[in-house]
N, C-alpha and C. Protein backbone atom coordinates (compact mmCIF):
# COMPACT_ATOMS: atom_id res chain seq x y z
N MET A 1 -41.69 -37.99 -1.10
CA MET A 1 -40.49 -37.24 -1.41
C MET A 1 -39.46 -37.44 -0.30
N ALA A 2 -38.20 -37.62 -0.70
CA ALA A 2 -37.13 -37.89 0.27
C ALA A 2 -36.76 -36.61 1.02
N ARG A 3 -36.35 -36.79 2.26
CA ARG A 3 -35.93 -35.67 3.09
C ARG A 3 -34.51 -35.29 2.69
N VAL A 4 -34.28 -34.00 2.50
CA VAL A 4 -32.97 -33.51 2.08
C VAL A 4 -32.26 -32.91 3.29
N LYS A 5 -31.09 -33.43 3.57
CA LYS A 5 -30.26 -32.86 4.63
C LYS A 5 -29.11 -32.11 3.95
N GLY A 6 -28.53 -31.16 4.64
CA GLY A 6 -27.53 -30.28 4.01
C GLY A 6 -26.11 -30.77 4.14
N ALA A 7 -25.93 -32.07 4.21
CA ALA A 7 -24.60 -32.59 4.51
C ALA A 7 -23.56 -32.18 3.47
N MET A 8 -23.87 -32.31 2.21
CA MET A 8 -22.88 -32.05 1.18
C MET A 8 -22.47 -30.58 1.14
N MET A 9 -23.46 -29.69 1.18
CA MET A 9 -23.14 -28.26 1.12
C MET A 9 -22.46 -27.79 2.40
N THR A 10 -22.86 -28.38 3.53
CA THR A 10 -22.22 -28.02 4.80
C THR A 10 -20.75 -28.41 4.77
N ARG A 11 -20.47 -29.62 4.31
CA ARG A 11 -19.09 -30.12 4.21
C ARG A 11 -18.27 -29.23 3.27
N LYS A 12 -18.89 -28.84 2.13
CA LYS A 12 -18.22 -27.99 1.15
C LYS A 12 -17.84 -26.64 1.75
N ARG A 13 -18.83 -26.06 2.45
CA ARG A 13 -18.63 -24.76 3.08
C ARG A 13 -17.53 -24.83 4.14
N ARG A 14 -17.55 -25.87 4.94
CA ARG A 14 -16.56 -26.02 5.99
C ARG A 14 -15.16 -26.27 5.42
N ASN A 15 -15.10 -27.08 4.38
CA ASN A 15 -13.80 -27.35 3.76
C ASN A 15 -13.20 -26.10 3.14
N LYS A 16 -14.08 -25.22 2.61
CA LYS A 16 -13.60 -23.97 2.03
C LYS A 16 -12.91 -23.12 3.09
N ILE A 17 -13.53 -23.02 4.27
CA ILE A 17 -12.94 -22.25 5.37
C ILE A 17 -11.64 -22.91 5.85
N LEU A 18 -11.67 -24.24 6.00
CA LEU A 18 -10.48 -24.95 6.48
C LEU A 18 -9.32 -24.82 5.49
N LYS A 19 -9.66 -24.76 4.21
CA LYS A 19 -8.62 -24.58 3.18
C LYS A 19 -7.97 -23.19 3.32
N LEU A 20 -8.81 -22.18 3.60
CA LEU A 20 -8.29 -20.83 3.79
C LEU A 20 -7.43 -20.73 5.05
N ALA A 21 -7.73 -21.57 6.05
CA ALA A 21 -7.01 -21.54 7.32
C ALA A 21 -5.80 -22.45 7.34
N LYS A 22 -5.46 -23.03 6.21
CA LYS A 22 -4.32 -23.94 6.14
C LYS A 22 -3.04 -23.18 6.50
N GLY A 23 -2.26 -23.78 7.38
CA GLY A 23 -1.02 -23.15 7.80
C GLY A 23 -1.15 -22.33 9.06
N TYR A 24 -2.37 -22.15 9.56
CA TYR A 24 -2.55 -21.42 10.82
C TYR A 24 -2.08 -22.31 11.96
N TRP A 25 -1.70 -21.69 13.07
CA TRP A 25 -1.11 -22.40 14.18
C TRP A 25 -2.16 -23.13 15.02
N GLY A 26 -1.86 -24.35 15.40
CA GLY A 26 -2.70 -25.10 16.34
C GLY A 26 -4.06 -25.47 15.78
N ASN A 27 -5.06 -25.35 16.65
CA ASN A 27 -6.42 -25.77 16.28
C ASN A 27 -7.08 -24.84 15.27
N LYS A 28 -6.48 -23.69 15.04
CA LYS A 28 -7.07 -22.74 14.09
C LYS A 28 -7.08 -23.29 12.67
N SER A 29 -6.23 -24.28 12.42
CA SER A 29 -6.21 -24.86 11.07
C SER A 29 -6.98 -26.17 11.00
N LYS A 30 -7.46 -26.67 12.16
CA LYS A 30 -8.08 -27.99 12.17
C LYS A 30 -9.55 -27.99 12.58
N HIS A 31 -9.92 -27.11 13.52
CA HIS A 31 -11.30 -27.06 14.00
C HIS A 31 -12.06 -25.96 13.28
N PHE A 32 -13.22 -26.33 12.77
CA PHE A 32 -13.98 -25.39 11.93
C PHE A 32 -14.29 -24.09 12.64
N LYS A 33 -14.77 -24.18 13.89
CA LYS A 33 -15.20 -22.99 14.61
C LYS A 33 -14.03 -22.01 14.80
N MET A 34 -12.91 -22.53 15.21
CA MET A 34 -11.73 -21.67 15.42
C MET A 34 -11.17 -21.18 14.09
N ALA A 35 -11.21 -22.03 13.09
CA ALA A 35 -10.72 -21.64 11.76
C ALA A 35 -11.57 -20.52 11.19
N LYS A 36 -12.88 -20.61 11.38
CA LYS A 36 -13.80 -19.59 10.85
C LYS A 36 -13.48 -18.23 11.47
N GLU A 37 -13.27 -18.21 12.78
CA GLU A 37 -12.95 -16.94 13.46
C GLU A 37 -11.62 -16.39 12.97
N ALA A 38 -10.63 -17.27 12.83
CA ALA A 38 -9.30 -16.83 12.39
C ALA A 38 -9.34 -16.30 10.96
N VAL A 39 -10.09 -16.96 10.09
CA VAL A 39 -10.19 -16.53 8.69
C VAL A 39 -10.91 -15.19 8.61
N MET A 40 -11.97 -15.01 9.40
CA MET A 40 -12.68 -13.73 9.40
C MET A 40 -11.76 -12.60 9.86
N LYS A 41 -11.00 -12.87 10.92
CA LYS A 41 -10.10 -11.85 11.45
C LYS A 41 -8.98 -11.54 10.46
N SER A 42 -8.44 -12.57 9.83
CA SER A 42 -7.37 -12.34 8.86
C SER A 42 -7.89 -11.57 7.65
N GLY A 43 -9.15 -11.80 7.30
CA GLY A 43 -9.77 -11.03 6.22
C GLY A 43 -9.88 -9.56 6.56
N GLN A 44 -10.20 -9.28 7.82
CA GLN A 44 -10.26 -7.88 8.27
C GLN A 44 -8.88 -7.23 8.22
N TYR A 45 -7.88 -7.97 8.68
CA TYR A 45 -6.52 -7.44 8.64
C TYR A 45 -6.08 -7.17 7.20
N ALA A 46 -6.43 -8.06 6.30
CA ALA A 46 -6.06 -7.90 4.90
C ALA A 46 -6.73 -6.67 4.30
N TYR A 47 -8.00 -6.48 4.63
CA TYR A 47 -8.77 -5.33 4.13
C TYR A 47 -8.14 -4.03 4.62
N ILE A 48 -7.85 -3.98 5.92
CA ILE A 48 -7.24 -2.78 6.50
C ILE A 48 -5.85 -2.55 5.89
N GLY A 49 -5.11 -3.65 5.72
CA GLY A 49 -3.76 -3.55 5.18
C GLY A 49 -3.71 -2.98 3.78
N ARG A 50 -4.72 -3.30 2.98
CA ARG A 50 -4.76 -2.76 1.61
C ARG A 50 -4.94 -1.26 1.62
N ARG A 51 -5.63 -0.73 2.62
CA ARG A 51 -5.79 0.72 2.73
C ARG A 51 -4.53 1.37 3.31
N LEU A 52 -3.94 0.72 4.31
CA LEU A 52 -2.74 1.27 4.94
C LEU A 52 -1.55 1.30 3.98
N LYS A 53 -1.50 0.33 3.07
CA LYS A 53 -0.39 0.25 2.12
C LYS A 53 -0.29 1.53 1.29
N LYS A 54 -1.41 2.07 0.89
CA LYS A 54 -1.42 3.30 0.09
C LYS A 54 -0.83 4.47 0.88
N ARG A 55 -1.23 4.57 2.16
CA ARG A 55 -0.71 5.64 3.01
C ARG A 55 0.78 5.49 3.23
N ASP A 56 1.20 4.26 3.51
CA ASP A 56 2.61 4.00 3.82
C ASP A 56 3.51 4.33 2.64
N PHE A 57 3.09 3.95 1.44
CA PHE A 57 3.91 4.24 0.27
C PHE A 57 3.98 5.73 0.01
N ARG A 58 2.85 6.44 0.18
CA ARG A 58 2.87 7.88 -0.02
C ARG A 58 3.84 8.55 0.96
N ARG A 59 3.83 8.11 2.22
CA ARG A 59 4.76 8.65 3.22
C ARG A 59 6.21 8.38 2.82
N LEU A 60 6.48 7.19 2.32
CA LEU A 60 7.83 6.83 1.88
C LEU A 60 8.29 7.72 0.74
N TRP A 61 7.40 7.90 -0.25
CA TRP A 61 7.76 8.73 -1.41
C TRP A 61 8.05 10.16 -0.97
N ILE A 62 7.22 10.70 -0.07
CA ILE A 62 7.41 12.08 0.38
C ILE A 62 8.73 12.21 1.13
N ALA A 63 9.06 11.21 1.96
CA ALA A 63 10.33 11.24 2.70
C ALA A 63 11.52 11.24 1.74
N ARG A 64 11.43 10.44 0.68
CA ARG A 64 12.53 10.37 -0.29
C ARG A 64 12.68 11.68 -1.06
N ILE A 65 11.54 12.25 -1.47
CA ILE A 65 11.58 13.53 -2.21
C ILE A 65 12.13 14.63 -1.30
N SER A 66 11.68 14.62 -0.06
CA SER A 66 12.13 15.63 0.91
C SER A 66 13.64 15.56 1.12
N ALA A 67 14.18 14.35 1.21
CA ALA A 67 15.62 14.19 1.37
C ALA A 67 16.36 14.73 0.16
N GLY A 68 15.84 14.46 -1.03
CA GLY A 68 16.45 14.99 -2.25
C GLY A 68 16.39 16.50 -2.32
N CYS A 69 15.28 17.06 -1.85
CA CYS A 69 15.12 18.52 -1.86
C CYS A 69 16.11 19.18 -0.91
N LYS A 70 16.27 18.61 0.27
CA LYS A 70 17.19 19.18 1.26
C LYS A 70 18.62 19.22 0.74
N MET A 71 18.99 18.20 -0.03
CA MET A 71 20.33 18.17 -0.62
C MET A 71 20.51 19.30 -1.64
N ASN A 72 19.40 19.79 -2.20
CA ASN A 72 19.45 20.86 -3.21
C ASN A 72 19.02 22.21 -2.66
N GLY A 73 18.88 22.33 -1.34
CA GLY A 73 18.64 23.62 -0.72
C GLY A 73 17.23 24.16 -0.85
N ILE A 74 16.25 23.30 -0.82
CA ILE A 74 14.85 23.72 -0.86
C ILE A 74 14.06 22.74 -0.02
N ASN A 75 12.96 23.19 0.56
CA ASN A 75 12.18 22.23 1.33
C ASN A 75 11.08 21.60 0.45
N TYR A 76 10.47 20.55 0.97
CA TYR A 76 9.53 19.73 0.19
C TYR A 76 8.33 20.55 -0.30
N SER A 77 7.75 21.32 0.61
CA SER A 77 6.51 22.03 0.24
C SER A 77 6.77 23.09 -0.83
N GLN A 78 7.89 23.79 -0.72
CA GLN A 78 8.24 24.78 -1.75
C GLN A 78 8.51 24.10 -3.09
N PHE A 79 9.18 22.96 -3.03
CA PHE A 79 9.48 22.19 -4.24
C PHE A 79 8.19 21.77 -4.95
N MET A 80 7.26 21.21 -4.20
CA MET A 80 6.00 20.75 -4.80
C MET A 80 5.19 21.94 -5.33
N ASN A 81 5.21 23.03 -4.60
CA ASN A 81 4.51 24.24 -5.06
C ASN A 81 5.13 24.75 -6.35
N GLY A 82 6.46 24.78 -6.40
CA GLY A 82 7.16 25.24 -7.61
C GLY A 82 6.90 24.33 -8.80
N LEU A 83 6.89 23.02 -8.56
CA LEU A 83 6.60 22.08 -9.65
C LEU A 83 5.19 22.29 -10.19
N LYS A 84 4.25 22.50 -9.28
CA LYS A 84 2.86 22.70 -9.70
C LYS A 84 2.73 23.98 -10.54
N LYS A 85 3.42 25.03 -10.09
CA LYS A 85 3.37 26.30 -10.82
C LYS A 85 4.06 26.22 -12.17
N SER A 86 5.09 25.36 -12.26
CA SER A 86 5.80 25.22 -13.53
C SER A 86 5.05 24.33 -14.52
N GLY A 87 4.00 23.66 -14.05
CA GLY A 87 3.18 22.84 -14.95
C GLY A 87 3.63 21.40 -15.06
N SER A 88 4.51 20.98 -14.19
CA SER A 88 4.97 19.59 -14.21
C SER A 88 3.89 18.67 -13.64
N THR A 89 3.69 17.54 -14.30
CA THR A 89 2.62 16.63 -13.87
C THR A 89 3.17 15.31 -13.33
N LEU A 90 4.42 15.31 -12.86
CA LEU A 90 5.01 14.09 -12.30
C LEU A 90 4.41 13.81 -10.93
N ASN A 91 4.06 12.55 -10.70
CA ASN A 91 3.51 12.20 -9.38
C ASN A 91 4.63 11.89 -8.40
N ARG A 92 4.26 11.70 -7.13
CA ARG A 92 5.26 11.51 -6.08
C ARG A 92 6.05 10.22 -6.25
N LYS A 93 5.40 9.19 -6.77
CA LYS A 93 6.09 7.92 -6.97
C LYS A 93 7.25 8.09 -7.95
N VAL A 94 7.00 8.74 -9.07
CA VAL A 94 8.02 8.96 -10.09
C VAL A 94 9.09 9.91 -9.57
N LEU A 95 8.66 10.95 -8.85
CA LEU A 95 9.63 11.90 -8.31
C LEU A 95 10.59 11.22 -7.33
N SER A 96 10.06 10.30 -6.51
CA SER A 96 10.93 9.62 -5.54
C SER A 96 11.92 8.71 -6.25
N GLU A 97 11.49 8.06 -7.33
CA GLU A 97 12.40 7.21 -8.10
C GLU A 97 13.50 8.04 -8.75
N ILE A 98 13.13 9.21 -9.25
CA ILE A 98 14.13 10.10 -9.86
C ILE A 98 15.12 10.58 -8.80
N ALA A 99 14.60 10.93 -7.62
CA ALA A 99 15.46 11.42 -6.54
C ALA A 99 16.49 10.37 -6.12
N ILE A 100 16.10 9.09 -6.17
CA ILE A 100 17.01 8.02 -5.76
C ILE A 100 18.02 7.68 -6.85
N HIS A 101 17.53 7.49 -8.08
CA HIS A 101 18.35 6.91 -9.13
C HIS A 101 19.04 7.91 -10.06
N ASP A 102 18.48 9.13 -10.18
CA ASP A 102 19.05 10.09 -11.13
C ASP A 102 19.13 11.47 -10.48
N GLU A 103 20.21 11.70 -9.76
CA GLU A 103 20.35 12.95 -9.01
C GLU A 103 20.43 14.18 -9.91
N ALA A 104 21.03 14.02 -11.07
CA ALA A 104 21.16 15.16 -12.00
C ALA A 104 19.78 15.61 -12.50
N ALA A 105 18.94 14.65 -12.83
CA ALA A 105 17.60 14.99 -13.30
C ALA A 105 16.78 15.63 -12.18
N PHE A 106 16.97 15.12 -10.95
CA PHE A 106 16.22 15.69 -9.83
C PHE A 106 16.68 17.12 -9.56
N THR A 107 17.98 17.36 -9.69
CA THR A 107 18.51 18.72 -9.52
C THR A 107 17.91 19.66 -10.56
N ALA A 108 17.76 19.15 -11.78
CA ALA A 108 17.14 19.97 -12.85
C ALA A 108 15.68 20.29 -12.50
N LEU A 109 14.98 19.32 -11.92
CA LEU A 109 13.58 19.56 -11.50
C LEU A 109 13.53 20.59 -10.40
N VAL A 110 14.48 20.53 -9.47
CA VAL A 110 14.53 21.51 -8.37
C VAL A 110 14.77 22.91 -8.93
N GLU A 111 15.68 23.02 -9.90
CA GLU A 111 15.95 24.33 -10.53
C GLU A 111 14.71 24.85 -11.24
N GLN A 112 14.01 23.96 -11.91
CA GLN A 112 12.76 24.34 -12.59
C GLN A 112 11.73 24.85 -11.58
N ALA A 113 11.64 24.18 -10.43
CA ALA A 113 10.70 24.60 -9.38
C ALA A 113 11.11 25.94 -8.79
N LYS A 114 12.40 26.15 -8.58
CA LYS A 114 12.89 27.40 -8.02
C LYS A 114 12.61 28.56 -8.98
N LYS A 115 12.80 28.28 -10.28
CA LYS A 115 12.55 29.31 -11.31
C LYS A 115 11.07 29.69 -11.34
N ALA A 116 10.19 28.72 -11.15
CA ALA A 116 8.74 28.98 -11.18
C ALA A 116 8.31 29.79 -9.95
N LEU A 117 9.02 29.61 -8.84
CA LEU A 117 8.67 30.35 -7.62
C LEU A 117 9.15 31.80 -7.66
N ALA A 118 10.24 32.04 -8.37
CA ALA A 118 10.81 33.39 -8.40
C ALA A 118 10.04 34.33 -9.29
């Protein structure tokens, strides 16, 4: 029986990593060992970034809603409490879009929240 060496699979595995490292600066895109480390690290950054993105967008939406609320004479927490009590099921993403693009509708939501609090 012939001796089997792993040349083909090793080359395939290495090329896969080098393909992922394409465009990296210097030897990180050319040398397997450095490329492997760079790809692993970039994978970690990507994983963390996908979690941070959710937090960042939520913070942005809250800041936008808060700015809209201040223009209508109510603070963010009272507004959200009033909306919850009034039975509105709009999420923060939609509320922030309304606050930016349709001020009249947002003012109506603020009045609805104020009415629910009183």
